[in-house]
């Protein structure tokens, strides 16, 4: 039944009037100044603004913005609050975010950009520092196009790449229908961490 038709019914009209009167009282309550000065609506509004300010600080990407040469893309930066911090480097910045507690039983993981030439050593240091067991690369890679990532793993079995004190060896490659599995061995030559 259309709304206009229900207002001709005496009971419906009385319910409507009572609802409007409740809303008017509620509005008066929210807009009437308290003894301390502001209205409840003003207080609620200020609480929302304060919460938004706190949240925006959590969502800051200021550190990433100050490191343009270490970011593959200018518009994909880690939030300062969630970024992975390198502990073994003079500069602790790497474009990577630690994601955990997303839902019950979800393992923690790191979302990161494909390394740049100048950040490959940082990438591998992060892998060791964070005790990463699996790396899942979600971008295509080709020798001709390094816009997504450089090849940060050895090309052939038993080949090695070194980054400072880190030695990366390709142990195994399995080509599957839709993905490639590579088993790598990482050795930290300083602390002999395999």
N, C-alpha and C. Protein backbone atom coordinates (compact mmCIF):
# COMPACT_ATOMS: atom_id res chain seq x y z
N UNK A 1 0.85 -1.17 0.00
CA UNK A 1 0.00 0.00 0.00
C UNK A 1 0.90 1.24 0.00
N UNK A 2 0.65 2.22 -0.86
CA UNK A 2 1.47 3.43 -0.90
C UNK A 2 1.42 4.19 0.42
N UNK A 3 2.50 4.92 0.72
CA UNK A 3 2.62 5.67 1.97
C UNK A 3 1.47 6.66 2.13
N UNK A 4 1.14 7.40 1.09
CA UNK A 4 0.09 8.43 1.17
C UNK A 4 -1.23 7.82 1.58
N UNK A 5 -1.53 6.62 1.09
CA UNK A 5 -2.80 5.98 1.41
C UNK A 5 -2.85 5.57 2.87
N UNK A 6 -1.71 5.20 3.47
CA UNK A 6 -1.71 4.77 4.87
C UNK A 6 -1.95 5.92 5.83
N UNK A 7 -1.68 7.17 5.43
CA UNK A 7 -1.87 8.31 6.33
C UNK A 7 -3.35 8.65 6.53
N UNK A 8 -4.20 8.12 5.67
CA UNK A 8 -5.63 8.37 5.84
C UNK A 8 -6.21 7.47 6.94
N UNK A 9 -5.51 6.44 7.26
CA UNK A 9 -5.92 5.55 8.35
C UNK A 9 -5.52 6.24 9.66
N UNK A 10 -6.44 6.38 10.60
CA UNK A 10 -6.21 7.13 11.85
C UNK A 10 -5.04 6.55 12.65
N UNK A 11 -4.95 5.23 12.78
CA UNK A 11 -3.86 4.61 13.54
C UNK A 11 -2.50 4.89 12.89
N UNK A 12 -2.45 4.76 11.58
CA UNK A 12 -1.20 5.01 10.85
C UNK A 12 -0.77 6.46 11.00
N UNK A 13 -1.73 7.36 10.93
CA UNK A 13 -1.43 8.78 11.07
C UNK A 13 -0.89 9.08 12.47
N UNK A 14 -1.49 8.50 13.50
CA UNK A 14 -1.02 8.72 14.86
C UNK A 14 0.39 8.16 15.06
N UNK A 15 0.68 7.00 14.48
CA UNK A 15 2.03 6.41 14.57
C UNK A 15 3.04 7.32 13.88
N UNK A 16 2.66 7.84 12.72
CA UNK A 16 3.55 8.74 11.98
C UNK A 16 3.85 10.00 12.80
N UNK A 17 2.81 10.61 13.37
CA UNK A 17 2.98 11.82 14.18
C UNK A 17 3.87 11.52 15.39
N UNK A 18 3.65 10.39 16.05
CA UNK A 18 4.46 10.00 17.21
C UNK A 18 5.93 9.82 16.82
N UNK A 19 6.16 9.22 15.67
CA UNK A 19 7.54 9.02 15.18
C UNK A 19 8.21 10.36 14.91
N UNK A 20 7.50 11.27 14.25
CA UNK A 20 8.06 12.60 13.97
C UNK A 20 8.36 13.33 15.27
N UNK A 21 7.46 13.25 16.24
CA UNK A 21 7.68 13.91 17.53
C UNK A 21 8.91 13.34 18.25
N UNK A 22 9.10 12.00 18.16
CA UNK A 22 10.31 11.38 18.76
C UNK A 22 11.57 11.92 18.09
N UNK A 23 11.55 12.02 16.77
CA UNK A 23 12.71 12.53 16.04
C UNK A 23 12.99 13.99 16.40
N UNK A 24 11.94 14.79 16.56
CA UNK A 24 12.12 16.19 16.94
C UNK A 24 12.76 16.28 18.33
N UNK A 25 12.28 15.46 19.28
CA UNK A 25 12.88 15.44 20.63
C UNK A 25 14.34 15.00 20.57
N UNK A 26 14.60 13.97 19.77
CA UNK A 26 15.98 13.47 19.61
C UNK A 26 16.87 14.57 19.05
N UNK A 27 16.39 15.29 18.05
CA UNK A 27 17.15 16.38 17.44
C UNK A 27 17.38 17.49 18.46
N UNK A 28 16.36 17.83 19.24
CA UNK A 28 16.52 18.84 20.29
C UNK A 28 17.59 18.42 21.29
N UNK A 29 17.58 17.14 21.66
CA UNK A 29 18.56 16.62 22.61
C UNK A 29 19.98 16.74 22.04
N UNK A 30 20.14 16.44 20.77
CA UNK A 30 21.46 16.47 20.14
C UNK A 30 21.97 17.89 19.92
N UNK A 31 21.05 18.84 19.73
CA UNK A 31 21.48 20.20 19.38
C UNK A 31 21.42 21.18 20.55
N UNK A 32 21.02 20.72 21.72
CA UNK A 32 20.94 21.60 22.90
C UNK A 32 22.32 21.63 23.57
N UNK A 33 22.90 22.81 23.78
CA UNK A 33 24.22 22.89 24.43
C UNK A 33 24.17 22.28 25.83
N UNK A 34 25.25 21.58 26.17
CA UNK A 34 25.36 21.01 27.51
C UNK A 34 25.91 22.07 28.46
N UNK A 35 26.01 21.74 29.74
CA UNK A 35 26.56 22.68 30.72
C UNK A 35 28.02 23.00 30.41
N UNK A 36 28.72 22.06 29.77
CA UNK A 36 30.13 22.27 29.43
C UNK A 36 30.29 23.10 28.16
N UNK A 37 29.23 23.33 27.43
CA UNK A 37 29.31 24.17 26.24
C UNK A 37 28.85 23.53 24.96
N UNK A 38 29.59 22.54 24.43
CA UNK A 38 29.20 22.00 23.12
C UNK A 38 27.95 21.13 23.21
N UNK A 39 27.28 21.03 22.09
CA UNK A 39 26.10 20.16 22.01
C UNK A 39 26.57 18.71 21.89
N UNK A 40 25.72 17.75 22.22
CA UNK A 40 26.09 16.34 22.02
C UNK A 40 26.47 16.05 20.56
N UNK A 41 25.80 16.71 19.62
CA UNK A 41 26.12 16.52 18.21
C UNK A 41 27.53 17.04 17.91
N UNK A 42 27.87 18.23 18.46
CA UNK A 42 29.22 18.77 18.29
C UNK A 42 30.27 17.83 18.88
N UNK A 43 29.98 17.29 20.06
CA UNK A 43 30.91 16.37 20.73
C UNK A 43 31.11 15.12 19.88
N UNK A 44 30.02 14.57 19.38
CA UNK A 44 30.10 13.37 18.53
C UNK A 44 30.89 13.67 17.26
N UNK A 45 30.66 14.82 16.66
CA UNK A 45 31.36 15.23 15.45
C UNK A 45 32.86 15.35 15.73
N UNK A 46 33.23 15.96 16.85
CA UNK A 46 34.64 16.12 17.20
C UNK A 46 35.30 14.76 17.44
N UNK A 47 34.58 13.85 18.09
CA UNK A 47 35.11 12.50 18.30
C UNK A 47 35.39 11.81 16.97
N UNK A 48 34.48 11.97 16.01
CA UNK A 48 34.68 11.40 14.68
C UNK A 48 35.90 12.00 13.99
N UNK A 49 36.07 13.32 14.09
CA UNK A 49 37.23 13.99 13.48
C UNK A 49 38.52 13.49 14.11
N UNK A 50 38.53 13.35 15.44
CA UNK A 50 39.73 12.86 16.14
C UNK A 50 40.08 11.44 15.71
N UNK A 51 39.06 10.60 15.60
CA UNK A 51 39.28 9.22 15.17
C UNK A 51 39.82 9.19 13.74
N UNK A 52 39.29 10.05 12.89
CA UNK A 52 39.75 10.12 11.50
C UNK A 52 41.21 10.57 11.44
N UNK A 53 41.59 11.51 12.29
CA UNK A 53 42.98 11.99 12.31
C UNK A 53 43.92 10.87 12.73
N UNK A 54 43.54 10.12 13.76
CA UNK A 54 44.35 8.99 14.21
C UNK A 54 44.48 7.96 13.09
N UNK A 55 43.38 7.66 12.43
CA UNK A 55 43.39 6.68 11.35
C UNK A 55 44.24 7.15 10.18
N UNK A 56 44.19 8.44 9.86
CA UNK A 56 44.98 8.94 8.74
C UNK A 56 46.47 8.87 9.05
N UNK A 57 46.84 9.01 10.33
CA UNK A 57 48.26 8.85 10.70
C UNK A 57 48.68 7.40 10.52
N UNK A 58 47.77 6.47 10.80
CA UNK A 58 48.07 5.06 10.58
C UNK A 58 48.22 4.77 9.10
N UNK A 59 47.55 5.55 8.28
CA UNK A 59 47.54 5.32 6.84
C UNK A 59 48.59 6.16 6.10
N UNK A 60 49.53 6.71 6.82
CA UNK A 60 50.56 7.54 6.21
C UNK A 60 51.52 6.69 5.38
N UNK A 61 51.97 7.24 4.27
CA UNK A 61 53.01 6.60 3.45
C UNK A 61 54.21 7.53 3.33
N UNK A 62 54.43 8.36 4.35
CA UNK A 62 55.48 9.38 4.30
C UNK A 62 56.86 8.77 4.10
N UNK A 63 57.15 7.64 4.76
CA UNK A 63 58.47 7.04 4.63
C UNK A 63 58.70 6.60 3.19
N UNK A 64 57.71 5.94 2.59
CA UNK A 64 57.84 5.50 1.20
C UNK A 64 57.99 6.66 0.23
N UNK A 65 57.27 7.74 0.49
CA UNK A 65 57.38 8.93 -0.37
C UNK A 65 58.77 9.53 -0.33
N UNK A 66 59.46 9.37 0.79
CA UNK A 66 60.80 9.95 0.92
C UNK A 66 61.88 9.05 0.32
N UNK A 67 61.49 7.91 -0.26
CA UNK A 67 62.44 6.96 -0.85
C UNK A 67 62.08 6.65 -2.30
N UNK A 68 61.96 7.64 -3.18
CA UNK A 68 61.48 7.37 -4.54
C UNK A 68 62.36 6.40 -5.33
N UNK A 69 63.66 6.39 -5.10
CA UNK A 69 64.54 5.51 -5.88
C UNK A 69 64.41 4.05 -5.45
N UNK A 70 63.71 3.79 -4.35
CA UNK A 70 63.57 2.43 -3.85
C UNK A 70 62.16 1.88 -4.06
N UNK A 71 61.35 2.61 -4.85
CA UNK A 71 59.99 2.19 -5.16
C UNK A 71 59.85 2.01 -6.67
N UNK A 72 59.33 0.88 -7.07
CA UNK A 72 59.12 0.62 -8.50
C UNK A 72 58.05 1.55 -9.07
N UNK A 73 57.00 1.78 -8.31
CA UNK A 73 55.90 2.63 -8.75
C UNK A 73 55.67 3.72 -7.71
N UNK A 74 55.39 4.93 -8.16
CA UNK A 74 55.18 6.06 -7.23
C UNK A 74 53.89 5.95 -6.43
N UNK A 75 52.92 5.22 -6.96
CA UNK A 75 51.61 5.17 -6.30
C UNK A 75 51.34 3.88 -5.54
N UNK A 76 52.33 3.02 -5.42
CA UNK A 76 52.17 1.78 -4.64
C UNK A 76 53.22 1.80 -3.54
N UNK A 77 52.78 2.24 -2.35
CA UNK A 77 53.69 2.42 -1.22
C UNK A 77 53.13 1.72 0.01
N UNK A 78 54.01 1.24 0.88
CA UNK A 78 53.52 0.61 2.12
C UNK A 78 53.09 1.66 3.13
N UNK A 79 52.03 1.37 3.88
CA UNK A 79 51.65 2.25 4.98
C UNK A 79 52.75 2.18 6.04
N UNK A 80 53.10 3.33 6.60
CA UNK A 80 54.17 3.39 7.59
C UNK A 80 53.93 2.42 8.74
N UNK A 81 52.71 2.31 9.18
CA UNK A 81 52.40 1.47 10.34
C UNK A 81 52.66 -0.01 10.06
N UNK A 82 52.47 -0.45 8.81
CA UNK A 82 52.54 -1.87 8.50
C UNK A 82 53.79 -2.25 7.70
N UNK A 83 54.66 -1.29 7.42
CA UNK A 83 55.79 -1.62 6.56
C UNK A 83 56.81 -2.50 7.29
N UNK A 84 57.48 -3.34 6.52
CA UNK A 84 58.57 -4.16 7.04
C UNK A 84 59.78 -3.26 7.18
N UNK A 85 60.46 -3.34 8.31
CA UNK A 85 61.67 -2.54 8.54
C UNK A 85 62.87 -3.47 8.54
N UNK A 86 63.84 -3.13 7.71
CA UNK A 86 65.08 -3.91 7.67
C UNK A 86 65.89 -3.59 8.92
N UNK A 87 66.45 -4.62 9.53
CA UNK A 87 67.24 -4.39 10.74
C UNK A 87 68.73 -4.46 10.48
N UNK A 88 69.13 -5.10 9.38
CA UNK A 88 70.56 -5.29 9.13
C UNK A 88 71.14 -4.25 8.18
N UNK A 89 70.34 -3.27 7.80
CA UNK A 89 70.80 -2.27 6.85
C UNK A 89 70.84 -0.90 7.51
N UNK A 90 71.68 -0.02 6.96
CA UNK A 90 71.73 1.36 7.44
C UNK A 90 70.38 2.04 7.21
N UNK A 91 69.81 1.84 6.03
CA UNK A 91 68.49 2.37 5.69
C UNK A 91 67.48 1.23 5.92
N UNK A 92 66.49 1.43 6.79
CA UNK A 92 65.56 0.35 7.12
C UNK A 92 64.39 0.23 6.14
N UNK A 93 64.35 1.04 5.06
CA UNK A 93 63.20 1.06 4.16
C UNK A 93 63.29 0.00 3.08
N UNK A 94 62.18 -0.72 2.91
CA UNK A 94 61.95 -1.58 1.76
C UNK A 94 60.45 -1.47 1.45
N UNK A 95 60.09 -1.50 0.19
CA UNK A 95 58.68 -1.38 -0.19
C UNK A 95 58.02 -2.74 0.06
N UNK A 96 57.62 -2.96 1.31
CA UNK A 96 57.00 -4.22 1.71
C UNK A 96 56.12 -3.99 2.92
N UNK A 97 55.00 -4.69 2.95
CA UNK A 97 54.05 -4.57 4.06
C UNK A 97 53.83 -5.93 4.70
N UNK A 98 53.84 -5.95 6.03
CA UNK A 98 53.54 -7.16 6.78
C UNK A 98 52.03 -7.25 6.98
N UNK A 99 51.45 -8.33 6.51
CA UNK A 99 50.00 -8.53 6.62
C UNK A 99 49.77 -9.72 7.54
N UNK A 100 49.08 -9.47 8.65
CA UNK A 100 48.81 -10.56 9.60
C UNK A 100 47.45 -10.34 10.23
N UNK A 101 46.95 -11.38 10.86
CA UNK A 101 45.66 -11.33 11.54
C UNK A 101 44.53 -10.88 10.62
N UNK A 102 44.61 -11.28 9.35
CA UNK A 102 43.55 -10.89 8.41
C UNK A 102 42.25 -11.63 8.73
N UNK A 103 42.38 -12.87 9.17
CA UNK A 103 41.25 -13.64 9.67
C UNK A 103 41.83 -14.81 10.45
N UNK A 104 41.01 -15.46 11.25
CA UNK A 104 41.49 -16.53 12.11
C UNK A 104 42.13 -17.64 11.28
N UNK A 105 43.32 -18.04 11.68
CA UNK A 105 44.02 -19.11 10.99
C UNK A 105 44.82 -18.66 9.78
N UNK A 106 44.72 -17.41 9.40
CA UNK A 106 45.46 -16.90 8.24
C UNK A 106 46.93 -16.73 8.62
N UNK A 107 47.84 -17.28 7.85
CA UNK A 107 49.25 -17.07 8.17
C UNK A 107 49.64 -15.63 7.88
N UNK A 108 50.69 -15.17 8.55
CA UNK A 108 51.16 -13.82 8.22
C UNK A 108 51.94 -13.91 6.91
N UNK A 109 51.90 -12.85 6.14
CA UNK A 109 52.67 -12.82 4.91
C UNK A 109 53.09 -11.40 4.61
N UNK A 110 53.99 -11.28 3.65
CA UNK A 110 54.53 -9.98 3.26
C UNK A 110 54.13 -9.73 1.82
N UNK A 111 53.58 -8.55 1.56
CA UNK A 111 53.30 -8.12 0.19
C UNK A 111 54.39 -7.12 -0.16
N UNK A 112 55.08 -7.36 -1.25
CA UNK A 112 56.19 -6.48 -1.64
C UNK A 112 56.23 -6.30 -3.14
N UNK A 113 56.90 -5.26 -3.57
CA UNK A 113 57.11 -5.06 -5.00
C UNK A 113 58.21 -6.01 -5.47
N UNK A 114 58.23 -6.28 -6.79
CA UNK A 114 59.36 -7.01 -7.32
C UNK A 114 60.60 -6.15 -7.15
N UNK A 115 61.71 -6.75 -6.74
CA UNK A 115 62.90 -5.94 -6.47
C UNK A 115 63.40 -5.17 -7.70
N UNK A 116 63.98 -4.03 -7.44
CA UNK A 116 64.71 -3.26 -8.44
C UNK A 116 66.17 -3.70 -8.37
N UNK A 117 66.97 -3.34 -9.38
CA UNK A 117 68.39 -3.69 -9.32
C UNK A 117 69.02 -3.25 -8.00
N UNK A 118 68.69 -2.02 -7.58
CA UNK A 118 69.32 -1.47 -6.39
C UNK A 118 68.69 -1.95 -5.08
N UNK A 119 67.62 -2.77 -5.16
CA UNK A 119 67.00 -3.26 -3.91
C UNK A 119 67.02 -4.78 -3.79
N UNK A 120 67.73 -5.47 -4.69
CA UNK A 120 67.77 -6.94 -4.61
C UNK A 120 68.37 -7.43 -3.30
N UNK A 121 69.47 -6.83 -2.87
CA UNK A 121 70.10 -7.24 -1.60
C UNK A 121 69.15 -6.98 -0.43
N UNK A 122 68.44 -5.86 -0.46
CA UNK A 122 67.46 -5.56 0.59
C UNK A 122 66.36 -6.62 0.61
N UNK A 123 65.91 -7.02 -0.57
CA UNK A 123 64.87 -8.04 -0.68
C UNK A 123 65.31 -9.33 0.01
N UNK A 124 66.52 -9.79 -0.32
CA UNK A 124 67.00 -11.04 0.27
C UNK A 124 67.28 -10.89 1.77
N UNK A 125 67.76 -9.73 2.17
CA UNK A 125 67.94 -9.51 3.62
C UNK A 125 66.60 -9.59 4.34
N UNK A 126 65.56 -9.02 3.74
CA UNK A 126 64.23 -9.10 4.34
C UNK A 126 63.78 -10.55 4.45
N UNK A 127 64.03 -11.35 3.41
CA UNK A 127 63.64 -12.76 3.43
C UNK A 127 64.28 -13.47 4.62
N UNK A 128 65.56 -13.22 4.85
CA UNK A 128 66.25 -13.85 5.98
C UNK A 128 65.78 -13.29 7.31
N UNK A 129 65.73 -11.96 7.42
CA UNK A 129 65.33 -11.34 8.69
C UNK A 129 63.93 -11.76 9.12
N UNK A 130 63.01 -11.87 8.18
CA UNK A 130 61.61 -12.20 8.50
C UNK A 130 61.36 -13.71 8.49
N UNK A 131 62.42 -14.49 8.24
CA UNK A 131 62.33 -15.96 8.23
C UNK A 131 61.26 -16.46 7.25
N UNK A 132 61.29 -15.90 6.06
CA UNK A 132 60.33 -16.27 5.01
C UNK A 132 60.68 -17.65 4.46
N UNK A 133 59.67 -18.52 4.37
CA UNK A 133 59.89 -19.86 3.83
C UNK A 133 59.45 -20.00 2.38
N UNK A 134 58.44 -19.21 2.00
CA UNK A 134 57.91 -19.30 0.64
C UNK A 134 57.83 -17.91 0.03
N UNK A 135 58.21 -17.82 -1.24
CA UNK A 135 58.05 -16.58 -2.01
C UNK A 135 57.08 -16.91 -3.13
N UNK A 136 56.02 -16.15 -3.23
CA UNK A 136 55.05 -16.33 -4.32
C UNK A 136 55.09 -15.07 -5.17
N UNK A 137 55.54 -15.22 -6.41
CA UNK A 137 55.60 -14.07 -7.32
C UNK A 137 54.34 -14.09 -8.18
N UNK A 138 53.59 -13.01 -8.14
CA UNK A 138 52.31 -12.96 -8.84
C UNK A 138 52.37 -12.17 -10.14
N UNK A 139 53.55 -11.83 -10.59
CA UNK A 139 53.67 -11.09 -11.85
C UNK A 139 54.40 -11.95 -12.87
N UNK A 140 54.17 -11.65 -14.12
CA UNK A 140 54.91 -12.35 -15.18
C UNK A 140 56.32 -11.78 -15.23
N UNK A 141 57.24 -12.59 -15.70
CA UNK A 141 58.61 -12.12 -15.80
C UNK A 141 59.18 -12.55 -17.14
N UNK A 142 59.94 -11.66 -17.76
CA UNK A 142 60.67 -12.01 -18.98
C UNK A 142 61.98 -11.26 -19.00
N UNK A 143 62.97 -11.84 -19.69
CA UNK A 143 64.29 -11.20 -19.80
C UNK A 143 64.19 -9.82 -20.44
N UNK A 144 63.24 -9.66 -21.39
CA UNK A 144 63.12 -8.42 -22.14
C UNK A 144 62.41 -7.31 -21.36
N UNK A 145 61.56 -7.68 -20.43
CA UNK A 145 60.74 -6.67 -19.74
C UNK A 145 60.92 -6.77 -18.23
N UNK A 146 61.59 -5.79 -17.66
CA UNK A 146 61.79 -5.81 -16.20
C UNK A 146 60.94 -4.72 -15.53
N UNK A 147 59.81 -4.36 -16.17
CA UNK A 147 58.96 -3.33 -15.56
C UNK A 147 58.29 -3.83 -14.29
N UNK A 148 58.06 -5.14 -14.18
CA UNK A 148 57.44 -5.72 -12.98
C UNK A 148 58.49 -6.12 -11.94
N UNK A 149 59.59 -6.69 -12.39
CA UNK A 149 60.64 -7.12 -11.48
C UNK A 149 61.89 -7.50 -12.26
N UNK A 150 63.02 -7.45 -11.60
CA UNK A 150 64.24 -8.00 -12.18
C UNK A 150 64.29 -9.47 -11.76
N UNK A 151 65.12 -10.26 -12.44
CA UNK A 151 65.27 -11.67 -12.03
C UNK A 151 66.14 -11.68 -10.78
N UNK A 152 65.54 -12.01 -9.66
CA UNK A 152 66.24 -11.98 -8.38
C UNK A 152 66.62 -13.38 -7.90
N UNK A 153 66.54 -14.36 -8.77
CA UNK A 153 66.90 -15.74 -8.46
C UNK A 153 67.90 -16.21 -9.52
N UNK A 154 68.72 -17.22 -9.21
CA UNK A 154 69.66 -17.74 -10.21
C UNK A 154 68.92 -18.36 -11.40
N UNK A 155 69.53 -18.28 -12.56
CA UNK A 155 68.90 -18.74 -13.80
C UNK A 155 68.84 -20.27 -13.88
N UNK A 156 69.94 -20.94 -13.64
CA UNK A 156 70.02 -22.39 -13.83
C UNK A 156 70.35 -23.11 -12.53
N UNK A 157 70.05 -24.41 -12.53
CA UNK A 157 70.32 -25.24 -11.35
C UNK A 157 71.79 -25.13 -10.97
N UNK A 158 72.02 -24.99 -9.69
CA UNK A 158 73.34 -24.85 -9.08
C UNK A 158 74.02 -23.52 -9.39
N UNK A 159 73.35 -22.64 -10.16
CA UNK A 159 73.88 -21.28 -10.32
C UNK A 159 73.74 -20.56 -8.99
N UNK A 160 74.57 -19.52 -8.83
CA UNK A 160 74.54 -18.75 -7.59
C UNK A 160 74.50 -17.26 -7.90
N UNK A 161 73.81 -16.55 -7.04
CA UNK A 161 73.84 -15.09 -7.05
C UNK A 161 74.29 -14.66 -5.67
N UNK A 162 75.12 -13.62 -5.63
CA UNK A 162 75.52 -13.13 -4.31
C UNK A 162 75.14 -11.67 -4.18
N UNK A 163 74.69 -11.33 -2.99
CA UNK A 163 74.31 -9.97 -2.64
C UNK A 163 74.97 -9.67 -1.31
N UNK A 164 76.12 -9.04 -1.35
CA UNK A 164 76.86 -8.78 -0.11
C UNK A 164 77.23 -10.09 0.55
N UNK A 165 76.71 -10.31 1.75
CA UNK A 165 77.01 -11.53 2.50
C UNK A 165 76.05 -12.68 2.21
N UNK A 166 75.12 -12.48 1.28
CA UNK A 166 74.12 -13.50 0.99
C UNK A 166 74.45 -14.23 -0.30
N UNK A 167 74.31 -15.54 -0.26
CA UNK A 167 74.54 -16.38 -1.42
C UNK A 167 73.24 -17.14 -1.69
N UNK A 168 72.69 -16.97 -2.91
CA UNK A 168 71.44 -17.62 -3.29
C UNK A 168 71.76 -18.66 -4.36
N UNK A 169 71.35 -19.91 -4.13
CA UNK A 169 71.61 -21.00 -5.06
C UNK A 169 70.29 -21.61 -5.50
N UNK A 170 70.15 -21.85 -6.82
CA UNK A 170 68.96 -22.53 -7.34
C UNK A 170 69.20 -24.03 -7.22
N UNK A 171 68.35 -24.70 -6.46
CA UNK A 171 68.49 -26.13 -6.20
C UNK A 171 67.64 -26.95 -7.16
N UNK A 172 66.43 -26.46 -7.47
CA UNK A 172 65.48 -27.26 -8.23
C UNK A 172 64.50 -26.35 -8.96
N UNK A 173 64.11 -26.74 -10.18
CA UNK A 173 63.05 -26.04 -10.92
C UNK A 173 62.05 -27.07 -11.42
N UNK A 174 60.78 -26.88 -11.13
CA UNK A 174 59.70 -27.72 -11.66
C UNK A 174 58.74 -26.83 -12.42
N UNK A 175 58.54 -27.13 -13.70
CA UNK A 175 57.58 -26.39 -14.52
C UNK A 175 56.23 -27.09 -14.45
N UNK A 176 55.24 -26.39 -13.94
CA UNK A 176 53.87 -26.89 -13.87
C UNK A 176 53.07 -26.20 -14.98
N UNK A 177 51.83 -26.62 -15.16
CA UNK A 177 51.01 -26.07 -16.24
C UNK A 177 50.85 -24.55 -16.13
N UNK A 178 50.55 -24.05 -14.95
CA UNK A 178 50.26 -22.62 -14.78
C UNK A 178 51.26 -21.89 -13.90
N UNK A 179 52.29 -22.55 -13.44
CA UNK A 179 53.24 -21.90 -12.56
C UNK A 179 54.57 -22.64 -12.57
N UNK A 180 55.58 -21.99 -12.05
CA UNK A 180 56.92 -22.57 -11.96
C UNK A 180 57.30 -22.61 -10.48
N UNK A 181 57.79 -23.76 -10.07
CA UNK A 181 58.27 -23.92 -8.69
C UNK A 181 59.80 -23.92 -8.71
N UNK A 182 60.38 -23.09 -7.88
CA UNK A 182 61.84 -23.06 -7.74
C UNK A 182 62.19 -23.25 -6.28
N UNK A 183 63.14 -24.12 -6.03
CA UNK A 183 63.64 -24.29 -4.66
C UNK A 183 65.00 -23.61 -4.61
N UNK A 184 65.12 -22.69 -3.65
CA UNK A 184 66.35 -21.92 -3.52
C UNK A 184 66.99 -22.20 -2.17
N UNK A 185 68.29 -22.09 -2.12
CA UNK A 185 69.01 -22.17 -0.86
C UNK A 185 69.64 -20.80 -0.61
N UNK A 186 69.40 -20.26 0.58
CA UNK A 186 69.97 -18.96 0.94
C UNK A 186 71.01 -19.20 2.03
N UNK A 187 72.18 -18.66 1.83
CA UNK A 187 73.23 -18.77 2.83
C UNK A 187 73.70 -17.38 3.19
N UNK A 188 73.68 -17.09 4.48
CA UNK A 188 74.26 -15.85 4.98
C UNK A 188 75.69 -16.19 5.36
N UNK A 189 76.64 -15.70 4.59
CA UNK A 189 78.04 -16.06 4.78
C UNK A 189 78.60 -15.58 6.11
N UNK A 190 77.99 -14.57 6.70
CA UNK A 190 78.48 -14.05 7.98
C UNK A 190 78.03 -14.92 9.14
N UNK A 191 76.74 -15.28 9.18
CA UNK A 191 76.24 -16.08 10.30
C UNK A 191 75.93 -17.52 9.89
N UNK A 192 76.28 -17.89 8.68
CA UNK A 192 76.06 -19.23 8.16
C UNK A 192 74.63 -19.69 8.39
N UNK A 193 73.67 -18.88 7.92
CA UNK A 193 72.23 -19.17 8.04
C UNK A 193 71.74 -19.76 6.73
N UNK A 194 71.31 -21.03 6.72
CA UNK A 194 70.79 -21.67 5.51
C UNK A 194 69.29 -21.73 5.57
